[in-house]
Amino acid sequence: MQPSIAIITIGVDDLERAFAFYRALFEIADDQIGAGEDHVAFFLPSGPSFVLFPREQIARTAGKDPASAGAPGFVLSHQAQSPAEVDDILRRVLVAGGAIVTDAAQTEWGYSAYFEDSEGNVWELMAQPAAN
């Protein structure tokens, strides 16, 4: 895996409050912000996207119990080139001593899976769906 961090997702307790904070902090145009019912994404011009997501939902999405120790407060996302590359990286994670948290599956965001490194840090692997 050639490391590339495409998205940094941080867990927040109050999405509206966090959005107001980062909206005021970041000097970013409105057309570089995407919002959904459960997240806000800032599409940064010179780096990865920065996403705010409810902390409990990050834990559930990553297959963790929100109340458990080590529930993620952030997720690093690697943008793979294809679903096959996602599957290949997951095989390599196991060989390297990591653990698969959620099996790879097609979602609304693309083909994705979550894994933990040897220290319990959570990564998302994703391959964007093909453009229609």
N, C-alpha and C. Protein backbone atom coordinates (compact mmCIF):
# COMPACT_ATOMS: atom_id res chain seq x y z
N MET A 1 0.86 -1.18 0.00
CA MET A 1 0.00 0.00 0.00
C MET A 1 0.89 1.23 0.00
N GLN A 2 0.75 2.05 -0.99
CA GLN A 2 1.42 3.35 -0.99
C GLN A 2 0.53 4.27 -0.17
N PRO A 3 0.95 4.69 1.02
CA PRO A 3 0.05 5.44 1.90
C PRO A 3 -0.35 6.78 1.29
N SER A 4 -1.63 7.00 1.34
CA SER A 4 -2.18 8.30 0.98
C SER A 4 -3.41 8.49 1.85
N ILE A 5 -3.49 9.61 2.48
CA ILE A 5 -4.64 9.89 3.32
C ILE A 5 -5.55 10.82 2.54
N ALA A 6 -6.70 10.28 2.12
CA ALA A 6 -7.63 11.03 1.29
C ALA A 6 -8.64 11.79 2.13
N ILE A 7 -8.96 11.25 3.29
CA ILE A 7 -9.99 11.84 4.13
C ILE A 7 -9.56 11.73 5.59
N ILE A 8 -9.72 12.79 6.34
CA ILE A 8 -9.55 12.74 7.79
C ILE A 8 -10.93 13.00 8.38
N THR A 9 -11.43 12.03 9.12
CA THR A 9 -12.74 12.14 9.75
C THR A 9 -12.54 12.21 11.25
N ILE A 10 -13.10 13.23 11.86
CA ILE A 10 -12.99 13.34 13.31
C ILE A 10 -14.37 13.22 13.93
N GLY A 11 -14.39 12.61 15.10
CA GLY A 11 -15.64 12.47 15.84
C GLY A 11 -15.95 13.72 16.63
N VAL A 12 -17.21 14.10 16.60
CA VAL A 12 -17.65 15.28 17.34
C VAL A 12 -18.89 14.91 18.16
N ASP A 13 -19.07 15.63 19.25
CA ASP A 13 -20.25 15.40 20.08
C ASP A 13 -21.44 16.23 19.64
N ASP A 14 -21.18 17.39 19.05
CA ASP A 14 -22.26 18.28 18.59
C ASP A 14 -21.91 18.73 17.18
N LEU A 15 -22.55 18.12 16.18
CA LEU A 15 -22.20 18.39 14.79
C LEU A 15 -22.41 19.85 14.41
N GLU A 16 -23.50 20.44 14.83
CA GLU A 16 -23.77 21.84 14.50
C GLU A 16 -22.72 22.77 15.11
N ARG A 17 -22.37 22.52 16.36
CA ARG A 17 -21.37 23.35 17.03
C ARG A 17 -20.01 23.20 16.35
N ALA A 18 -19.64 21.96 16.03
CA ALA A 18 -18.35 21.72 15.38
C ALA A 18 -18.33 22.35 13.98
N PHE A 19 -19.44 22.24 13.26
CA PHE A 19 -19.50 22.86 11.93
C PHE A 19 -19.31 24.37 12.04
N ALA A 20 -19.99 25.00 12.99
CA ALA A 20 -19.86 26.45 13.17
C ALA A 20 -18.41 26.82 13.48
N PHE A 21 -17.75 26.03 14.32
CA PHE A 21 -16.36 26.30 14.67
C PHE A 21 -15.46 26.22 13.45
N TYR A 22 -15.52 25.09 12.72
CA TYR A 22 -14.63 24.91 11.58
C TYR A 22 -14.99 25.83 10.42
N ARG A 23 -16.26 26.16 10.27
CA ARG A 23 -16.68 27.11 9.22
C ARG A 23 -16.07 28.47 9.50
N ALA A 24 -16.04 28.86 10.77
CA ALA A 24 -15.44 30.14 11.13
C ALA A 24 -13.92 30.10 11.03
N LEU A 25 -13.32 28.96 11.32
CA LEU A 25 -11.87 28.82 11.32
C LEU A 25 -11.29 28.71 9.93
N PHE A 26 -11.90 27.87 9.10
CA PHE A 26 -11.37 27.62 7.75
C PHE A 26 -11.76 28.74 6.81
N GLU A 27 -10.84 29.17 6.02
CA GLU A 27 -11.13 30.14 4.96
C GLU A 27 -11.41 29.32 3.70
N ILE A 28 -12.65 28.91 3.55
CA ILE A 28 -13.01 27.99 2.48
C ILE A 28 -14.35 28.42 1.90
N ALA A 29 -14.47 28.33 0.60
CA ALA A 29 -15.70 28.75 -0.09
C ALA A 29 -16.85 27.77 0.19
N ASP A 30 -18.05 28.28 0.16
CA ASP A 30 -19.23 27.46 0.41
C ASP A 30 -19.32 26.27 -0.54
N ASP A 31 -18.86 26.44 -1.78
CA ASP A 31 -18.95 25.32 -2.74
C ASP A 31 -17.92 24.23 -2.45
N GLN A 32 -17.07 24.43 -1.46
CA GLN A 32 -16.11 23.42 -1.05
C GLN A 32 -16.54 22.74 0.25
N ILE A 33 -17.81 22.91 0.61
CA ILE A 33 -18.37 22.29 1.80
C ILE A 33 -19.56 21.44 1.39
N GLY A 34 -19.58 20.23 1.87
CA GLY A 34 -20.72 19.34 1.63
C GLY A 34 -21.28 18.91 2.96
N ALA A 35 -22.59 18.89 3.06
CA ALA A 35 -23.20 18.50 4.33
C ALA A 35 -24.31 17.50 4.07
N GLY A 36 -24.42 16.56 4.96
CA GLY A 36 -25.50 15.59 4.95
C GLY A 36 -26.17 15.61 6.30
N GLU A 37 -27.13 14.76 6.47
CA GLU A 37 -27.84 14.70 7.74
C GLU A 37 -26.91 14.34 8.89
N ASP A 38 -25.88 13.54 8.61
CA ASP A 38 -25.02 13.04 9.68
C ASP A 38 -23.56 13.44 9.56
N HIS A 39 -23.22 14.37 8.67
CA HIS A 39 -21.81 14.75 8.52
C HIS A 39 -21.68 16.10 7.83
N VAL A 40 -20.49 16.66 7.93
CA VAL A 40 -20.11 17.84 7.17
C VAL A 40 -18.72 17.57 6.62
N ALA A 41 -18.53 17.82 5.33
CA ALA A 41 -17.24 17.60 4.69
C ALA A 41 -16.70 18.91 4.15
N PHE A 42 -15.44 19.17 4.46
CA PHE A 42 -14.72 20.31 3.92
C PHE A 42 -13.75 19.76 2.88
N PHE A 43 -13.92 20.14 1.62
CA PHE A 43 -13.06 19.66 0.55
C PHE A 43 -11.91 20.65 0.40
N LEU A 44 -10.83 20.35 1.09
CA LEU A 44 -9.70 21.26 1.17
C LEU A 44 -8.96 21.31 -0.17
N PRO A 45 -8.59 22.50 -0.61
CA PRO A 45 -7.99 22.63 -1.94
C PRO A 45 -6.61 21.99 -2.08
N SER A 46 -5.87 21.86 -1.00
CA SER A 46 -4.49 21.35 -1.14
C SER A 46 -4.22 20.14 -0.26
N GLY A 47 -5.23 19.35 -0.01
CA GLY A 47 -4.99 18.20 0.85
C GLY A 47 -6.19 17.30 0.95
N PRO A 48 -6.22 16.49 1.97
CA PRO A 48 -7.34 15.56 2.13
C PRO A 48 -8.62 16.30 2.52
N SER A 49 -9.73 15.63 2.32
CA SER A 49 -11.00 16.16 2.82
C SER A 49 -11.01 16.03 4.33
N PHE A 50 -11.69 16.93 4.98
CA PHE A 50 -11.79 16.96 6.43
C PHE A 50 -13.27 16.83 6.76
N VAL A 51 -13.64 15.76 7.46
CA VAL A 51 -15.05 15.43 7.69
C VAL A 51 -15.34 15.41 9.19
N LEU A 52 -16.47 16.03 9.55
CA LEU A 52 -16.99 15.98 10.92
C LEU A 52 -18.11 14.94 10.93
N PHE A 53 -18.06 14.05 11.91
CA PHE A 53 -19.02 12.95 11.97
C PHE A 53 -19.32 12.69 13.44
N PRO A 54 -20.56 12.46 13.82
CA PRO A 54 -20.85 12.19 15.24
C PRO A 54 -19.98 11.04 15.77
N ARG A 55 -19.40 11.27 16.93
CA ARG A 55 -18.46 10.31 17.53
C ARG A 55 -19.07 8.91 17.67
N GLU A 56 -20.31 8.83 18.12
CA GLU A 56 -20.93 7.51 18.29
C GLU A 56 -21.13 6.81 16.96
N GLN A 57 -21.43 7.58 15.91
CA GLN A 57 -21.60 6.98 14.60
C GLN A 57 -20.28 6.50 14.02
N ILE A 58 -19.19 7.21 14.30
CA ILE A 58 -17.88 6.71 13.86
C ILE A 58 -17.63 5.34 14.47
N ALA A 59 -17.87 5.22 15.75
CA ALA A 59 -17.64 3.94 16.41
C ALA A 59 -18.50 2.84 15.78
N ARG A 60 -19.78 3.12 15.58
CA ARG A 60 -20.66 2.10 14.98
C ARG A 60 -20.22 1.76 13.56
N THR A 61 -19.92 2.79 12.75
CA THR A 61 -19.51 2.56 11.37
C THR A 61 -18.24 1.73 11.30
N ALA A 62 -17.35 1.95 12.23
CA ALA A 62 -16.09 1.21 12.27
C ALA A 62 -16.23 -0.11 13.00
N GLY A 63 -17.45 -0.47 13.39
CA GLY A 63 -17.68 -1.76 14.04
C GLY A 63 -17.25 -1.81 15.49
N LYS A 64 -17.23 -0.67 16.16
CA LYS A 64 -16.82 -0.60 17.56
C LYS A 64 -17.99 -0.22 18.44
N ASP A 65 -17.93 -0.63 19.69
CA ASP A 65 -18.91 -0.21 20.68
C ASP A 65 -18.53 1.19 21.14
N PRO A 66 -19.43 2.17 21.01
CA PRO A 66 -19.07 3.53 21.41
C PRO A 66 -18.61 3.65 22.86
N ALA A 67 -19.06 2.75 23.72
CA ALA A 67 -18.70 2.83 25.13
C ALA A 67 -17.38 2.13 25.43
N SER A 68 -16.83 1.40 24.46
CA SER A 68 -15.63 0.63 24.75
C SER A 68 -14.38 1.51 24.72
N ALA A 69 -13.39 1.07 25.46
CA ALA A 69 -12.11 1.76 25.41
C ALA A 69 -11.56 1.65 24.00
N GLY A 70 -10.97 2.70 23.53
CA GLY A 70 -10.39 2.67 22.20
C GLY A 70 -11.37 2.99 21.08
N ALA A 71 -12.61 3.36 21.44
CA ALA A 71 -13.55 3.75 20.39
C ALA A 71 -12.93 4.93 19.65
N PRO A 72 -12.90 4.86 18.33
CA PRO A 72 -12.15 5.88 17.60
C PRO A 72 -12.75 7.26 17.71
N GLY A 73 -11.88 8.25 17.82
CA GLY A 73 -12.28 9.64 17.76
C GLY A 73 -11.95 10.22 16.40
N PHE A 74 -11.27 9.42 15.58
CA PHE A 74 -10.95 9.82 14.22
C PHE A 74 -10.77 8.56 13.39
N VAL A 75 -10.84 8.72 12.09
CA VAL A 75 -10.61 7.62 11.16
C VAL A 75 -9.72 8.14 10.04
N LEU A 76 -8.65 7.43 9.74
CA LEU A 76 -7.82 7.73 8.58
C LEU A 76 -8.38 6.94 7.41
N SER A 77 -8.54 7.56 6.27
CA SER A 77 -9.10 6.89 5.09
C SER A 77 -8.07 6.85 3.98
N HIS A 78 -7.89 5.66 3.42
CA HIS A 78 -7.01 5.47 2.27
C HIS A 78 -7.87 5.24 1.04
N GLN A 79 -7.64 6.03 0.00
CA GLN A 79 -8.39 5.91 -1.24
C GLN A 79 -7.70 4.89 -2.14
N ALA A 80 -8.28 3.71 -2.26
CA ALA A 80 -7.73 2.68 -3.14
C ALA A 80 -8.20 2.93 -4.57
N GLN A 81 -7.50 2.35 -5.51
CA GLN A 81 -7.84 2.54 -6.92
C GLN A 81 -8.99 1.65 -7.38
N SER A 82 -9.24 0.55 -6.64
CA SER A 82 -10.27 -0.40 -7.08
C SER A 82 -10.69 -1.27 -5.91
N PRO A 83 -11.84 -1.93 -6.04
CA PRO A 83 -12.22 -2.90 -5.01
C PRO A 83 -11.18 -4.01 -4.83
N ALA A 84 -10.56 -4.42 -5.92
CA ALA A 84 -9.52 -5.46 -5.82
C ALA A 84 -8.36 -4.99 -4.96
N GLU A 85 -8.00 -3.71 -5.08
CA GLU A 85 -6.91 -3.18 -4.25
C GLU A 85 -7.32 -3.15 -2.79
N VAL A 86 -8.58 -2.81 -2.49
CA VAL A 86 -9.08 -2.85 -1.11
C VAL A 86 -8.89 -4.26 -0.55
N ASP A 87 -9.33 -5.27 -1.31
CA ASP A 87 -9.21 -6.66 -0.86
C ASP A 87 -7.75 -7.06 -0.66
N ASP A 88 -6.87 -6.62 -1.55
CA ASP A 88 -5.44 -6.94 -1.44
C ASP A 88 -4.86 -6.31 -0.18
N ILE A 89 -5.19 -5.06 0.07
CA ILE A 89 -4.67 -4.39 1.27
C ILE A 89 -5.17 -5.09 2.53
N LEU A 90 -6.42 -5.52 2.55
CA LEU A 90 -6.94 -6.24 3.73
C LEU A 90 -6.15 -7.51 3.98
N ARG A 91 -5.78 -8.24 2.93
CA ARG A 91 -4.95 -9.45 3.11
C ARG A 91 -3.60 -9.06 3.72
N ARG A 92 -3.02 -7.97 3.26
CA ARG A 92 -1.73 -7.52 3.77
C ARG A 92 -1.83 -7.04 5.22
N VAL A 93 -2.97 -6.44 5.58
CA VAL A 93 -3.18 -6.01 6.98
C VAL A 93 -3.06 -7.21 7.91
N LEU A 94 -3.71 -8.32 7.54
CA LEU A 94 -3.66 -9.51 8.39
C LEU A 94 -2.24 -10.05 8.50
N VAL A 95 -1.52 -10.10 7.41
CA VAL A 95 -0.15 -10.59 7.42
C VAL A 95 0.73 -9.70 8.29
N ALA A 96 0.48 -8.40 8.27
CA ALA A 96 1.30 -7.45 9.02
C ALA A 96 0.95 -7.40 10.51
N GLY A 97 -0.11 -8.09 10.92
CA GLY A 97 -0.46 -8.12 12.34
C GLY A 97 -1.62 -7.24 12.72
N GLY A 98 -2.32 -6.68 11.74
CA GLY A 98 -3.50 -5.88 12.02
C GLY A 98 -4.74 -6.77 12.07
N ALA A 99 -5.89 -6.15 12.18
CA ALA A 99 -7.15 -6.88 12.25
C ALA A 99 -8.19 -6.19 11.38
N ILE A 100 -9.01 -7.00 10.74
CA ILE A 100 -10.11 -6.46 9.96
C ILE A 100 -11.27 -6.20 10.91
N VAL A 101 -11.78 -4.99 10.90
CA VAL A 101 -12.89 -4.61 11.78
C VAL A 101 -14.22 -4.85 11.08
N THR A 102 -14.33 -4.40 9.85
CA THR A 102 -15.53 -4.69 9.04
C THR A 102 -15.07 -5.21 7.70
N ASP A 103 -15.72 -6.25 7.23
CA ASP A 103 -15.39 -6.82 5.93
C ASP A 103 -15.70 -5.81 4.83
N ALA A 104 -15.02 -5.95 3.72
CA ALA A 104 -15.25 -5.07 2.58
C ALA A 104 -16.66 -5.30 2.03
N ALA A 105 -17.32 -4.20 1.72
CA ALA A 105 -18.68 -4.27 1.18
C ALA A 105 -18.96 -3.02 0.37
N GLN A 106 -19.89 -3.14 -0.55
CA GLN A 106 -20.33 -1.99 -1.33
C GLN A 106 -21.29 -1.17 -0.47
N THR A 107 -21.03 0.14 -0.39
CA THR A 107 -21.88 1.06 0.36
C THR A 107 -22.24 2.22 -0.56
N GLU A 108 -22.99 3.16 -0.04
CA GLU A 108 -23.33 4.32 -0.85
C GLU A 108 -22.10 5.15 -1.22
N TRP A 109 -21.04 5.03 -0.45
CA TRP A 109 -19.83 5.82 -0.68
C TRP A 109 -18.82 5.10 -1.55
N GLY A 110 -19.04 3.84 -1.83
CA GLY A 110 -18.11 3.06 -2.61
C GLY A 110 -17.87 1.72 -1.94
N TYR A 111 -16.83 1.03 -2.35
CA TYR A 111 -16.45 -0.27 -1.79
C TYR A 111 -15.50 0.02 -0.65
N SER A 112 -15.87 -0.37 0.56
CA SER A 112 -15.04 0.02 1.70
C SER A 112 -14.99 -1.05 2.77
N ALA A 113 -13.99 -0.90 3.62
CA ALA A 113 -13.78 -1.78 4.77
C ALA A 113 -13.02 -0.99 5.82
N TYR A 114 -13.03 -1.47 7.05
CA TYR A 114 -12.27 -0.86 8.13
C TYR A 114 -11.31 -1.89 8.70
N PHE A 115 -10.11 -1.41 9.04
CA PHE A 115 -9.16 -2.28 9.73
C PHE A 115 -8.48 -1.52 10.85
N GLU A 116 -7.88 -2.26 11.77
CA GLU A 116 -7.09 -1.69 12.86
C GLU A 116 -5.63 -2.01 12.63
N ASP A 117 -4.79 -1.03 12.95
CA ASP A 117 -3.37 -1.33 12.94
C ASP A 117 -3.01 -2.11 14.20
N SER A 118 -1.76 -2.37 14.42
CA SER A 118 -1.34 -3.18 15.57
C SER A 118 -1.61 -2.50 16.90
N GLU A 119 -1.89 -1.20 16.88
CA GLU A 119 -2.15 -0.45 18.10
C GLU A 119 -3.62 -0.13 18.31
N GLY A 120 -4.48 -0.61 17.42
CA GLY A 120 -5.91 -0.36 17.55
C GLY A 120 -6.41 0.89 16.85
N ASN A 121 -5.53 1.59 16.12
CA ASN A 121 -5.96 2.76 15.36
C ASN A 121 -6.76 2.31 14.14
N VAL A 122 -7.85 2.99 13.86
CA VAL A 122 -8.77 2.57 12.82
C VAL A 122 -8.48 3.28 11.50
N TRP A 123 -8.46 2.50 10.44
CA TRP A 123 -8.33 2.99 9.07
C TRP A 123 -9.55 2.54 8.27
N GLU A 124 -9.95 3.38 7.35
CA GLU A 124 -10.97 3.00 6.36
C GLU A 124 -10.25 2.85 5.03
N LEU A 125 -10.58 1.79 4.32
CA LEU A 125 -10.13 1.62 2.93
C LEU A 125 -11.36 1.84 2.07
N MET A 126 -11.20 2.59 1.00
CA MET A 126 -12.36 2.78 0.13
C MET A 126 -11.93 2.94 -1.32
N ALA A 127 -12.77 2.44 -2.21
CA ALA A 127 -12.62 2.64 -3.63
C ALA A 127 -13.92 3.30 -4.09
N GLN A 128 -13.80 4.46 -4.68
CA GLN A 128 -14.99 5.19 -5.13
C GLN A 128 -15.75 4.37 -6.16
N PRO A 129 -17.07 4.52 -6.17
CA PRO A 129 -17.83 3.81 -7.21
C PRO A 129 -17.49 4.40 -8.59
N ALA A 130 -17.62 3.57 -9.61
CA ALA A 130 -17.36 4.04 -10.97
C ALA A 130 -18.36 5.14 -11.33
N ALA A 131 -17.89 6.14 -12.05
CA ALA A 131 -18.76 7.23 -12.48
C ALA A 131 -19.77 6.70 -13.48
N ASN A 132 -20.99 7.16 -13.34
CA ASN A 132 -22.05 6.70 -14.27
C ASN A 132 -22.04 7.47 -15.54
